[in-house]
Amino acid sequence: MKKAGIIRCLNTEAMCPGTSCFRVAKEGKACFSEVGPVEVIGHVTCGGCPGKEILPRALKMVEKGAEIIALSSCMVNKAPGGKYFSCPFLPQIKEMLESAIGDKVTIIYGTH
C-alpha cells in the first residue's frame, strides 16, 4: 500500500475534520481511484494564503515516506458548507509542487 500526505486549506480547517479525505484514501476511491488504497501518513494545512507552507510541508511528508501528495478537495473544489471557493492560488501552487516534487511523487488534485 502506498503512503500519502494530504494538504488542506487552512481557512476550512475549523469546519472539516478530514473524515471524507481519510475514508476515500483508505478505500482507494474518488480521486484515489487511480492509485488505489493508501495509508495517510500526514494531514496538514497549506499554512495560509497564498499557500506559504505547502512546499516545506510537502517536502517533509516526502522525507517521511509519502509517495503521493494530495491537495484536498477544499483546495481544488468548492469547500464544504458553500462559504468558500477553490483556492485562488491553485495555479501557482500546482506549478510550484510540480516543479519541485513532481518527478519524485504522484500529485493528486482533489480527494473526494
PDB file of N, CA and C in Angstrom:
ATOM      1  N   MET A   1       0.842  -1.175   0.000  1.00  0.00           N
ATOM      2  CA  MET A   1       0.000   0.000   0.000  1.00  0.00           C
ATOM      3  C   MET A   1       0.890   1.242   0.000  1.00  0.00           C
ATOM      4  N   LYS A   2       0.579   2.168  -0.891  1.00  0.00           N
ATOM      5  CA  LYS A   2       1.354   3.403  -0.968  1.00  0.00           C
ATOM      6  C   LYS A   2       1.008   4.326   0.196  1.00  0.00           C
ATOM      7  N   LYS A   3       1.931   5.259   0.453  1.00  0.00           N
ATOM      8  CA  LYS A   3       1.750   6.222   1.527  1.00  0.00           C
ATOM      9  C   LYS A   3       1.469   7.598   0.931  1.00  0.00           C
ATOM     10  N   ALA A   4       0.523   8.309   1.559  1.00  0.00           N
ATOM     11  CA  ALA A   4       0.127   9.616   1.046  1.00  0.00           C
ATOM     12  C   ALA A   4       0.095  10.657   2.139  1.00  0.00           C
ATOM     13  N   GLY A   5       0.392  11.879   1.735  1.00  0.00           N
ATOM     14  CA  GLY A   5       0.219  13.038   2.592  1.00  0.00           C
ATOM     15  C   GLY A   5      -0.865  13.906   1.983  1.00  0.00           C
ATOM     16  N   ILE A   6      -1.750  14.416   2.822  1.00  0.00           N
ATOM     17  CA  ILE A   6      -2.841  15.265   2.353  1.00  0.00           C
ATOM     18  C   ILE A   6      -2.631  16.679   2.878  1.00  0.00           C
ATOM     19  N   ILE A   7      -2.758  17.644   1.979  1.00  0.00           N
ATOM     20  CA  ILE A   7      -2.651  19.057   2.352  1.00  0.00           C
ATOM     21  C   ILE A   7      -4.014  19.693   2.123  1.00  0.00           C
ATOM     22  N   ARG A   8      -4.505  20.382   3.138  1.00  0.00           N
ATOM     23  CA  ARG A   8      -5.817  21.015   3.025  1.00  0.00           C
ATOM     24  C   ARG A   8      -5.739  22.506   3.290  1.00  0.00           C
ATOM     25  N   CYS A   9      -6.836  23.192   3.025  1.00  0.00           N
ATOM     26  CA  CYS A   9      -6.941  24.641   3.175  1.00  0.00           C
ATOM     27  C   CYS A   9      -7.025  25.028   4.651  1.00  0.00           C
ATOM     28  N   LEU A  10      -6.217  25.968   5.051  1.00  0.00           N
ATOM     29  CA  LEU A  10      -6.252  26.457   6.428  1.00  0.00           C
ATOM     30  C   LEU A  10      -7.595  27.110   6.754  1.00  0.00           C
ATOM     31  N   ASN A  11      -8.186  27.803   5.782  1.00  0.00           N
ATOM     32  CA  ASN A  11      -9.438  28.521   6.034  1.00  0.00           C
ATOM     33  C   ASN A  11     -10.625  27.600   6.286  1.00  0.00           C
ATOM     34  N   THR A  12     -10.566  26.368   5.845  1.00  0.00           N
ATOM     35  CA  THR A  12     -11.692  25.450   6.047  1.00  0.00           C
ATOM     36  C   THR A  12     -11.438  24.448   7.169  1.00  0.00           C
ATOM     37  N   GLU A  13     -10.302  24.543   7.796  1.00  0.00           N
ATOM     38  CA  GLU A  13      -9.907  23.593   8.836  1.00  0.00           C
ATOM     39  C   GLU A  13     -10.932  23.477   9.968  1.00  0.00           C
ATOM     40  N   ALA A  14     -11.530  24.578  10.387  1.00  0.00           N
ATOM     41  CA  ALA A  14     -12.457  24.551  11.513  1.00  0.00           C
ATOM     42  C   ALA A  14     -13.772  23.844  11.190  1.00  0.00           C
ATOM     43  N   MET A  15     -14.139  23.777   9.909  1.00  0.00           N
ATOM     44  CA  MET A  15     -15.423  23.165   9.566  1.00  0.00           C
ATOM     45  C   MET A  15     -15.293  21.738   9.037  1.00  0.00           C
ATOM     46  N   CYS A  16     -14.082  21.226   8.913  1.00  0.00           N
ATOM     47  CA  CYS A  16     -13.913  19.895   8.327  1.00  0.00           C
ATOM     48  C   CYS A  16     -12.834  19.115   9.066  1.00  0.00           C
ATOM     49  N   PRO A  17     -13.194  17.975   9.649  1.00  0.00           N
ATOM     50  CA  PRO A  17     -12.196  17.155  10.341  1.00  0.00           C
ATOM     51  C   PRO A  17     -11.389  16.252   9.414  1.00  0.00           C
ATOM     52  N   GLY A  18     -11.675  16.269   8.128  1.00  0.00           N
ATOM     53  CA  GLY A  18     -10.919  15.451   7.176  1.00  0.00           C
ATOM     54  C   GLY A  18     -11.432  14.037   6.995  1.00  0.00           C
ATOM     55  N   THR A  19     -12.567  13.704   7.589  1.00  0.00           N
ATOM     56  CA  THR A  19     -13.049  12.325   7.560  1.00  0.00           C
ATOM     57  C   THR A  19     -13.313  11.807   6.145  1.00  0.00           C
ATOM     58  N   SER A  20     -13.846  12.639   5.276  1.00  0.00           N
ATOM     59  CA  SER A  20     -14.091  12.177   3.898  1.00  0.00           C
ATOM     60  C   SER A  20     -12.777  11.917   3.176  1.00  0.00           C
ATOM     61  N   CYS A  21     -11.796  12.765   3.396  1.00  0.00           N
ATOM     62  CA  CYS A  21     -10.472  12.556   2.792  1.00  0.00           C
ATOM     63  C   CYS A  21      -9.877  11.227   3.256  1.00  0.00           C
ATOM     64  N   PHE A  22      -9.956  10.970   4.568  1.00  0.00           N
ATOM     65  CA  PHE A  22      -9.393   9.732   5.105  1.00  0.00           C
ATOM     66  C   PHE A  22     -10.126   8.504   4.565  1.00  0.00           C
ATOM     67  N   ARG A  23     -11.442   8.598   4.471  1.00  0.00           N
ATOM     68  CA  ARG A  23     -12.235   7.450   4.014  1.00  0.00           C
ATOM     69  C   ARG A  23     -11.903   7.097   2.570  1.00  0.00           C
ATOM     70  N   VAL A  24     -11.915   8.084   1.661  1.00  0.00           N
ATOM     71  CA  VAL A  24     -11.646   7.758   0.258  1.00  0.00           C
ATOM     72  C   VAL A  24     -10.202   7.328   0.048  1.00  0.00           C
ATOM     73  N   ALA A  25      -9.285   7.856   0.855  1.00  0.00           N
ATOM     74  CA  ALA A  25      -7.882   7.422   0.760  1.00  0.00           C
ATOM     75  C   ALA A  25      -7.757   5.961   1.161  1.00  0.00           C
ATOM     76  N   LYS A  26      -8.372   5.600   2.270  1.00  0.00           N
ATOM     77  CA  LYS A  26      -8.313   4.218   2.774  1.00  0.00           C
ATOM     78  C   LYS A  26      -8.961   3.236   1.797  1.00  0.00           C
ATOM     79  N   GLU A  27     -10.068   3.668   1.186  1.00  0.00           N
ATOM     80  CA  GLU A  27     -10.806   2.799   0.263  1.00  0.00           C
ATOM     81  C   GLU A  27     -10.272   2.852  -1.171  1.00  0.00           C
ATOM     82  N   GLY A  28      -9.413   3.805  -1.467  1.00  0.00           N
ATOM     83  CA  GLY A  28      -8.896   3.951  -2.822  1.00  0.00           C
ATOM     84  C   GLY A  28      -9.961   4.405  -3.795  1.00  0.00           C
ATOM     85  N   LYS A  29     -10.866   5.240  -3.330  1.00  0.00           N
ATOM     86  CA  LYS A  29     -11.970   5.709  -4.168  1.00  0.00           C
ATOM     87  C   LYS A  29     -11.811   7.184  -4.510  1.00  0.00           C
ATOM     88  N   ALA A  30     -12.758   7.696  -5.296  1.00  0.00           N
ATOM     89  CA  ALA A  30     -12.790   9.098  -5.718  1.00  0.00           C
ATOM     90  C   ALA A  30     -11.452   9.457  -6.382  1.00  0.00           C
ATOM     91  N   CYS A  31     -10.806  10.483  -5.921  1.00  0.00           N
ATOM     92  CA  CYS A  31      -9.560  10.923  -6.564  1.00  0.00           C
ATOM     93  C   CYS A  31      -8.385   9.970  -6.334  1.00  0.00           C
ATOM     94  N   PHE A  32      -8.543   9.001  -5.448  1.00  0.00           N
ATOM     95  CA  PHE A  32      -7.504   7.996  -5.207  1.00  0.00           C
ATOM     96  C   PHE A  32      -7.721   6.739  -6.044  1.00  0.00           C
ATOM     97  N   SER A  33      -8.722   6.742  -6.900  1.00  0.00           N
ATOM     98  CA  SER A  33      -9.059   5.527  -7.655  1.00  0.00           C
ATOM     99  C   SER A  33      -7.927   5.072  -8.584  1.00  0.00           C
ATOM    100  N   GLU A  34      -7.121   5.994  -9.077  1.00  0.00           N
ATOM    101  CA  GLU A  34      -6.026   5.604  -9.971  1.00  0.00           C
ATOM    102  C   GLU A  34      -4.836   4.993  -9.229  1.00  0.00           C
ATOM    103  N   VAL A  35      -4.689   5.305  -7.933  1.00  0.00           N
ATOM    104  CA  VAL A  35      -3.560   4.764  -7.172  1.00  0.00           C
ATOM    105  C   VAL A  35      -3.975   3.671  -6.200  1.00  0.00           C
ATOM    106  N   GLY A  36      -5.277   3.548  -5.950  1.00  0.00           N
ATOM    107  CA  GLY A  36      -5.774   2.526  -5.035  1.00  0.00           C
ATOM    108  C   GLY A  36      -5.706   2.983  -3.590  1.00  0.00           C
ATOM    109  N   PRO A  37      -6.022   2.074  -2.669  1.00  0.00           N
ATOM    110  CA  PRO A  37      -5.997   2.429  -1.248  1.00  0.00           C
ATOM    111  C   PRO A  37      -4.612   2.899  -0.814  1.00  0.00           C
ATOM    112  N   VAL A  38      -4.596   3.901   0.041  1.00  0.00           N
ATOM    113  CA  VAL A  38      -3.332   4.434   0.549  1.00  0.00           C
ATOM    114  C   VAL A  38      -3.387   4.566   2.069  1.00  0.00           C
ATOM    115  N   GLU A  39      -2.205   4.588   2.664  1.00  0.00           N
ATOM    116  CA  GLU A  39      -2.068   4.888   4.083  1.00  0.00           C
ATOM    117  C   GLU A  39      -1.747   6.373   4.190  1.00  0.00           C
ATOM    118  N   VAL A  40      -2.553   7.112   4.927  1.00  0.00           N
ATOM    119  CA  VAL A  40      -2.302   8.541   5.118  1.00  0.00           C
ATOM    120  C   VAL A  40      -1.258   8.692   6.223  1.00  0.00           C
ATOM    121  N   ILE A  41      -0.127   9.304   5.868  1.00  0.00           N
ATOM    122  CA  ILE A  41       0.947   9.479   6.856  1.00  0.00           C
ATOM    123  C   ILE A  41       1.036  10.909   7.361  1.00  0.00           C
ATOM    124  N   GLY A  42       0.270  11.804   6.753  1.00  0.00           N
ATOM    125  CA  GLY A  42       0.260  13.192   7.197  1.00  0.00           C
ATOM    126  C   GLY A  42      -0.962  13.905   6.679  1.00  0.00           C
ATOM    127  N   HIS A  43      -1.477  14.826   7.478  1.00  0.00           N
ATOM    128  CA  HIS A  43      -2.651  15.614   7.106  1.00  0.00           C
ATOM    129  C   HIS A  43      -2.417  17.001   7.670  1.00  0.00           C
ATOM    130  N   VAL A  44      -1.999  17.934   6.822  1.00  0.00           N
ATOM    131  CA  VAL A  44      -1.614  19.269   7.269  1.00  0.00           C
ATOM    132  C   VAL A  44      -2.356  20.329   6.476  1.00  0.00           C
ATOM    133  N   THR A  45      -2.282  21.566   6.946  1.00  0.00           N
ATOM    134  CA  THR A  45      -2.863  22.668   6.192  1.00  0.00           C
ATOM    135  C   THR A  45      -1.797  23.268   5.279  1.00  0.00           C
ATOM    136  N   CYS A  46      -2.264  24.145   4.418  1.00  0.00           N
ATOM    137  CA  CYS A  46      -1.366  24.843   3.488  1.00  0.00           C
ATOM    138  C   CYS A  46      -0.517  25.893   4.202  1.00  0.00           C
ATOM    139  N   GLY A  47      -0.907  26.250   5.420  1.00  0.00           N
ATOM    140  CA  GLY A  47      -0.187  27.270   6.170  1.00  0.00           C
ATOM    141  C   GLY A  47      -0.768  28.654   6.001  1.00  0.00           C
ATOM    142  N   GLY A  48      -1.842  28.773   5.230  1.00  0.00           N
ATOM    143  CA  GLY A  48      -2.474  30.069   4.998  1.00  0.00           C
ATOM    144  C   GLY A  48      -2.099  30.636   3.644  1.00  0.00           C
ATOM    145  N   CYS A  49      -2.932  31.529   3.200  1.00  0.00           N
ATOM    146  CA  CYS A  49      -2.751  32.141   1.869  1.00  0.00           C
ATOM    147  C   CYS A  49      -1.431  32.896   1.817  1.00  0.00           C
ATOM    148  N   PRO A  50      -0.766  32.775   0.715  1.00  0.00           N
ATOM    149  CA  PRO A  50      -1.082  32.096  -0.544  1.00  0.00           C
ATOM    150  C   PRO A  50      -0.483  30.692  -0.647  1.00  0.00           C
ATOM    151  N   GLY A  51      -0.703  29.872   0.345  1.00  0.00           N
ATOM    152  CA  GLY A  51      -0.126  28.525   0.355  1.00  0.00           C
ATOM    153  C   GLY A  51       1.328  28.561   0.782  1.00  0.00           C
ATOM    154  N   LYS A  52       1.636  29.478   1.700  1.00  0.00           N
ATOM    155  CA  LYS A  52       3.027  29.773   2.039  1.00  0.00           C
ATOM    156  C   LYS A  52       3.806  28.626   2.655  1.00  0.00           C
ATOM    157  N   GLU A  53       3.114  27.614   3.193  1.00  0.00           N
ATOM    158  CA  GLU A  53       3.819  26.482   3.805  1.00  0.00           C
ATOM    159  C   GLU A  53       3.658  25.176   3.037  1.00  0.00           C
ATOM    160  N   ILE A  54       3.035  25.220   1.871  1.00  0.00           N
ATOM    161  CA  ILE A  54       2.774  23.980   1.141  1.00  0.00           C
ATOM    162  C   ILE A  54       4.055  23.241   0.774  1.00  0.00           C
ATOM    163  N   LEU A  55       4.999  23.916   0.183  1.00  0.00           N
ATOM    164  CA  LEU A  55       6.196  23.213  -0.268  1.00  0.00           C
ATOM    165  C   LEU A  55       6.998  22.618   0.890  1.00  0.00           C
ATOM    166  N   PRO A  56       7.316  23.361   1.955  1.00  0.00           N
ATOM    167  CA  PRO A  56       8.070  22.720   3.039  1.00  0.00           C
ATOM    168  C   PRO A  56       7.317  21.566   3.691  1.00  0.00           C
ATOM    169  N   ARG A  57       5.987  21.688   3.781  1.00  0.00           N
ATOM    170  CA  ARG A  57       5.208  20.611   4.388  1.00  0.00           C
ATOM    171  C   ARG A  57       5.140  19.398   3.466  1.00  0.00           C
ATOM    172  N   ALA A  58       5.005  19.623   2.172  1.00  0.00           N
ATOM    173  CA  ALA A  58       5.023  18.508   1.220  1.00  0.00           C
ATOM    174  C   ALA A  58       6.386  17.822   1.241  1.00  0.00           C
ATOM    175  N   LEU A  59       7.453  18.602   1.249  1.00  0.00           N
ATOM    176  CA  LEU A  59       8.805  18.030   1.296  1.00  0.00           C
ATOM    177  C   LEU A  59       9.022  17.208   2.556  1.00  0.00           C
ATOM    178  N   LYS A  60       8.499  17.669   3.689  1.00  0.00           N
ATOM    179  CA  LYS A  60       8.645  16.924   4.944  1.00  0.00           C
ATOM    180  C   LYS A  60       7.918  15.591   4.862  1.00  0.00           C
ATOM    181  N   MET A  61       6.711  15.590   4.247  1.00  0.00           N
ATOM    182  CA  MET A  61       5.972  14.331   4.123  1.00  0.00           C
ATOM    183  C   MET A  61       6.680  13.380   3.165  1.00  0.00           C
ATOM    184  N   VAL A  62       7.277  13.908   2.105  1.00  0.00           N
ATOM    185  CA  VAL A  62       8.061  13.068   1.191  1.00  0.00           C
ATOM    186  C   VAL A  62       9.257  12.483   1.940  1.00  0.00           C
ATOM    187  N   GLU A  63       9.901  13.313   2.731  1.00  0.00           N
ATOM    188  CA  GLU A  63      11.032  12.845   3.550  1.00  0.00           C
ATOM    189  C   GLU A  63      10.599  11.725   4.497  1.00  0.00           C
ATOM    190  N   LYS A  64       9.374  11.786   4.976  1.00  0.00           N
ATOM    191  CA  LYS A  64       8.843  10.777   5.899  1.00  0.00           C
ATOM    192  C   LYS A  64       8.222   9.579   5.191  1.00  0.00           C
ATOM    193  N   GLY A  65       8.326   9.537   3.853  1.00  0.00           N
ATOM    194  CA  GLY A  65       7.892   8.353   3.129  1.00  0.00           C
ATOM    195  C   GLY A  65       6.691   8.494   2.220  1.00  0.00           C
ATOM    196  N   ALA A  66       6.117   9.688   2.112  1.00  0.00           N
ATOM    197  CA  ALA A  66       4.965   9.858   1.228  1.00  0.00           C
ATOM    198  C   ALA A  66       5.364   9.648  -0.229  1.00  0.00           C
ATOM    199  N   GLU A  67       4.581   8.830  -0.905  1.00  0.00           N
ATOM    200  CA  GLU A  67       4.777   8.596  -2.340  1.00  0.00           C
ATOM    201  C   GLU A  67       3.752   9.380  -3.150  1.00  0.00           C
ATOM    202  N   ILE A  68       2.753   9.914  -2.439  1.00  0.00           N
ATOM    203  CA  ILE A  68       1.671  10.677  -3.044  1.00  0.00           C
ATOM    204  C   ILE A  68       1.435  11.907  -2.179  1.00  0.00           C
ATOM    205  N   ILE A  69       1.276  13.049  -2.820  1.00  0.00           N
ATOM    206  CA  ILE A  69       0.830  14.257  -2.134  1.00  0.00           C
ATOM    207  C   ILE A  69      -0.511  14.612  -2.764  1.00  0.00           C
ATOM    208  N   ALA A  70      -1.529  14.727  -1.920  1.00  0.00           N
ATOM    209  CA  ALA A  70      -2.872  15.060  -2.402  1.00  0.00           C
ATOM    210  C   ALA A  70      -3.301  16.407  -1.848  1.00  0.00           C
ATOM    211  N   LEU A  71      -3.708  17.292  -2.738  1.00  0.00           N
ATOM    212  CA  LEU A  71      -4.336  18.528  -2.290  1.00  0.00           C
ATOM    213  C   LEU A  71      -5.803  18.214  -2.107  1.00  0.00           C
ATOM    214  N   SER A  72      -6.333  18.506  -0.938  1.00  0.00           N
ATOM    215  CA  SER A  72      -7.700  18.117  -0.617  1.00  0.00           C
ATOM    216  C   SER A  72      -8.722  18.857  -1.475  1.00  0.00           C
ATOM    217  N   SER A  73      -9.918  18.312  -1.479  1.00  0.00           N
ATOM    218  CA  SER A  73     -10.988  18.882  -2.289  1.00  0.00           C
ATOM    219  C   SER A  73     -11.333  20.305  -1.887  1.00  0.00           C
ATOM    220  N   CYS A  74     -11.108  20.675  -0.624  1.00  0.00           N
ATOM    221  CA  CYS A  74     -11.409  22.044  -0.208  1.00  0.00           C
ATOM    222  C   CYS A  74     -10.462  23.052  -0.858  1.00  0.00           C
ATOM    223  N   MET A  75      -9.333  22.605  -1.361  1.00  0.00           N
ATOM    224  CA  MET A  75      -8.435  23.499  -2.090  1.00  0.00           C
ATOM    225  C   MET A  75      -8.755  23.520  -3.576  1.00  0.00           C
ATOM    226  N   VAL A  76      -9.162  22.381  -4.093  1.00  0.00           N
ATOM    227  CA  VAL A  76      -9.329  22.226  -5.529  1.00  0.00           C
ATOM    228  C   VAL A  76     -10.751  22.538  -5.996  1.00  0.00           C
ATOM    229  N   ASN A  77     -11.734  22.212  -5.163  1.00  0.00           N
ATOM    230  CA  ASN A  77     -13.141  22.425  -5.492  1.00  0.00           C
ATOM    231  C   ASN A  77     -13.758  23.384  -4.491  1.00  0.00           C
ATOM    232  N   LYS A  78     -15.025  23.658  -4.657  1.00  0.00           N
ATOM    233  CA  LYS A  78     -15.734  24.480  -3.679  1.00  0.00           C
ATOM    234  C   LYS A  78     -15.691  23.778  -2.325  1.00  0.00           C
ATOM    235  N   ALA A  79     -15.426  24.520  -1.286  1.00  0.00           N
ATOM    236  CA  ALA A  79     -15.263  23.961   0.050  1.00  0.00           C
ATOM    237  C   ALA A  79     -16.599  23.581   0.676  1.00  0.00           C
ATOM    238  N   PRO A  80     -16.561  22.720   1.686  1.00  0.00           N
ATOM    239  CA  PRO A  80     -17.788  22.316   2.385  1.00  0.00           C
ATOM    240  C   PRO A  80     -18.540  23.516   2.947  1.00  0.00           C
ATOM    241  N   GLY A  81     -19.850  23.439   2.945  1.00  0.00           N
ATOM    242  CA  GLY A  81     -20.673  24.497   3.506  1.00  0.00           C
ATOM    243  C   GLY A  81     -20.936  25.650   2.559  1.00  0.00           C
ATOM    244  N   GLY A  82     -20.292  25.661   1.409  1.00  0.00           N
ATOM    245  CA  GLY A  82     -20.539  26.687   0.407  1.00  0.00           C
ATOM    246  C   GLY A  82     -20.033  28.077   0.754  1.00  0.00           C
ATOM    247  N   LYS A  83     -19.251  28.219   1.837  1.00  0.00           N
ATOM    248  CA  LYS A  83     -18.760  29.533   2.237  1.00  0.00           C
ATOM    249  C   LYS A  83     -17.541  29.970   1.437  1.00  0.00           C
ATOM    250  N   TYR A  84     -16.781  29.022   0.982  1.00  0.00           N
ATOM    251  CA  TYR A  84     -15.532  29.339   0.308  1.00  0.00           C
ATOM    252  C   TYR A  84     -15.528  28.738  -1.086  1.00  0.00           C
ATOM    253  N   PHE A  85     -14.585  29.168  -1.883  1.00  0.00           N
ATOM    254  CA  PHE A  85     -14.432  28.647  -3.236  1.00  0.00           C
ATOM    255  C   PHE A  85     -13.030  28.059  -3.360  1.00  0.00           C
ATOM    256  N   SER A  86     -12.760  27.437  -4.480  1.00  0.00           N
ATOM    257  CA  SER A  86     -11.444  26.820  -4.641  1.00  0.00           C
ATOM    258  C   SER A  86     -10.341  27.855  -4.424  1.00  0.00           C
ATOM    259  N   CYS A  87      -9.204  27.373  -4.074  1.00  0.00           N
ATOM    260  CA  CYS A  87      -8.067  28.230  -3.748  1.00  0.00           C
ATOM    261  C   CYS A  87      -7.712  29.129  -4.938  1.00  0.00           C
ATOM    262  N   PRO A  88      -7.686  30.438  -4.729  1.00  0.00           N
ATOM    263  CA  PRO A  88      -7.338  31.333  -5.834  1.00  0.00           C
ATOM    264  C   PRO A  88      -5.861  31.234  -6.229  1.00  0.00           C
ATOM    265  N   PHE A  89      -5.063  30.605  -5.391  1.00  0.00           N
ATOM    266  CA  PHE A  89      -3.634  30.460  -5.653  1.00  0.00           C
ATOM    267  C   PHE A  89      -3.289  29.094  -6.239  1.00  0.00           C
ATOM    268  N   LEU A  90      -4.304  28.302  -6.558  1.00  0.00           N
ATOM    269  CA  LEU A  90      -4.078  26.939  -7.036  1.00  0.00           C
ATOM    270  C   LEU A  90      -3.151  26.857  -8.256  1.00  0.00           C
ATOM    271  N   PRO A  91      -3.292  27.713  -9.263  1.00  0.00           N
ATOM    272  CA  PRO A  91      -2.360  27.606 -10.403  1.00  0.00           C
ATOM    273  C   PRO A  91      -0.895  27.751  -9.995  1.00  0.00           C
ATOM    274  N   GLN A  92      -0.597  28.700  -9.120  1.00  0.00           N
ATOM    275  CA  GLN A  92       0.783  28.886  -8.670  1.00  0.00           C
ATOM    276  C   GLN A  92       1.237  27.716  -7.799  1.00  0.00           C
ATOM    277  N   ILE A  93       0.342  27.205  -6.962  1.00  0.00           N
ATOM    278  CA  ILE A  93       0.668  26.071  -6.098  1.00  0.00           C
ATOM    279  C   ILE A  93       0.971  24.840  -6.946  1.00  0.00           C
ATOM    280  N   LYS A  94       0.140  24.577  -7.958  1.00  0.00           N
ATOM    281  CA  LYS A  94       0.371  23.438  -8.860  1.00  0.00           C
ATOM    282  C   LYS A  94       1.745  23.546  -9.512  1.00  0.00           C
ATOM    283  N   GLU A  95       2.041  24.710 -10.057  1.00  0.00           N
ATOM    284  CA  GLU A  95       3.332  24.916 -10.726  1.00  0.00           C
ATOM    285  C   GLU A  95       4.498  24.682  -9.775  1.00  0.00           C
ATOM    286  N   MET A  96       4.388  25.215  -8.558  1.00  0.00           N
ATOM    287  CA  MET A  96       5.452  25.065  -7.565  1.00  0.00           C
ATOM    288  C   MET A  96       5.654  23.600  -7.184  1.00  0.00           C
ATOM    289  N   LEU A  97       4.561  22.894  -6.871  1.00  0.00           N
ATOM    290  CA  LEU A  97       4.677  21.493  -6.476  1.00  0.00           C
ATOM    291  C   LEU A  97       5.201  20.629  -7.615  1.00  0.00           C
ATOM    292  N   GLU A  98       4.664  20.829  -8.806  1.00  0.00           N
ATOM    293  CA  GLU A  98       5.098  20.007  -9.935  1.00  0.00           C
ATOM    294  C   GLU A  98       6.567  20.217 -10.260  1.00  0.00           C
ATOM    295  N   SER A  99       7.041  21.458 -10.169  1.00  0.00           N
ATOM    296  CA  SER A  99       8.459  21.686 -10.490  1.00  0.00           C
ATOM    297  C   SER A  99       9.374  21.196  -9.374  1.00  0.00           C
ATOM    298  N   ALA A 100       8.923  21.250  -8.131  1.00  0.00           N
ATOM    299  CA  ALA A 100       9.782  20.865  -7.006  1.00  0.00           C
ATOM    300  C   ALA A 100       9.753  19.373  -6.695  1.00  0.00           C
ATOM    301  N   ILE A 101       8.570  18.731  -6.777  1.00  0.00           N
ATOM    302  CA  ILE A 101       8.483  17.326  -6.360  1.00  0.00           C
ATOM    303  C   ILE A 101       7.751  16.426  -7.354  1.00  0.00           C
ATOM    304  N   GLY A 102       7.314  16.981  -8.467  1.00  0.00           N
ATOM    305  CA  GLY A 102       6.535  16.210  -9.433  1.00  0.00           C
ATOM    306  C   GLY A 102       7.267  15.007  -9.996  1.00  0.00           C
ATOM    307  N   ASP A 103       8.591  15.038 -10.014  1.00  0.00           N
ATOM    308  CA  ASP A 103       9.358  13.897 -10.515  1.00  0.00           C
ATOM    309  C   ASP A 103       9.632  12.862  -9.425  1.00  0.00           C
ATOM    310  N   LYS A 104       9.320  13.203  -8.167  1.00  0.00           N
ATOM    311  CA  LYS A 104       9.589  12.300  -7.039  1.00  0.00           C
ATOM    312  C   LYS A 104       8.346  11.570  -6.554  1.00  0.00           C
ATOM    313  N   VAL A 105       7.193  12.228  -6.656  1.00  0.00           N
ATOM    314  CA  VAL A 105       5.951  11.671  -6.120  1.00  0.00           C
ATOM    315  C   VAL A 105       4.797  11.920  -7.089  1.00  0.00           C
ATOM    316  N   THR A 106       3.705  11.217  -6.848  1.00  0.00           N
ATOM    317  CA  THR A 106       2.463  11.466  -7.577  1.00  0.00           C
ATOM    318  C   THR A 106       1.735  12.595  -6.857  1.00  0.00           C
ATOM    319  N   ILE A 107       1.244  13.551  -7.610  1.00  0.00           N
ATOM    320  CA  ILE A 107       0.469  14.642  -7.024  1.00  0.00           C
ATOM    321  C   ILE A 107      -0.975  14.470  -7.479  1.00  0.00           C
ATOM    322  N   ILE A 108      -1.896  14.456  -6.511  1.00  0.00           N
ATOM    323  CA  ILE A 108      -3.319  14.296  -6.790  1.00  0.00           C
ATOM    324  C   ILE A 108      -4.006  15.612  -6.447  1.00  0.00           C
ATOM    325  N   TYR A 109      -4.845  16.081  -7.351  1.00  0.00           N
ATOM    326  CA  TYR A 109      -5.572  17.332  -7.134  1.00  0.00           C
ATOM    327  C   TYR A 109      -7.017  17.008  -6.806  1.00  0.00           C
ATOM    328  N   GLY A 110      -7.341  17.044  -5.518  1.00  0.00           N
ATOM    329  CA  GLY A 110      -8.657  16.685  -5.012  1.00  0.00           C
ATOM    330  C   GLY A 110      -8.563  15.375  -4.270  1.00  0.00           C
ATOM    331  N   THR A 111      -9.521  15.156  -3.372  1.00  0.00           N
ATOM    332  CA  THR A 111      -9.547  13.902  -2.618  1.00  0.00           C
ATOM    333  C   THR A 111     -10.879  13.190  -2.798  1.00  0.00           C
ATOM    334  N   HIS A 112     -11.966  13.908  -2.639  1.00  0.00           N
ATOM    335  CA  HIS A 112     -13.286  13.275  -2.751  1.00  0.00           C
ATOM    336  C   HIS A 112     -14.237  14.089  -3.590  1.00  0.00           C
TER     337      HIS A 112
END
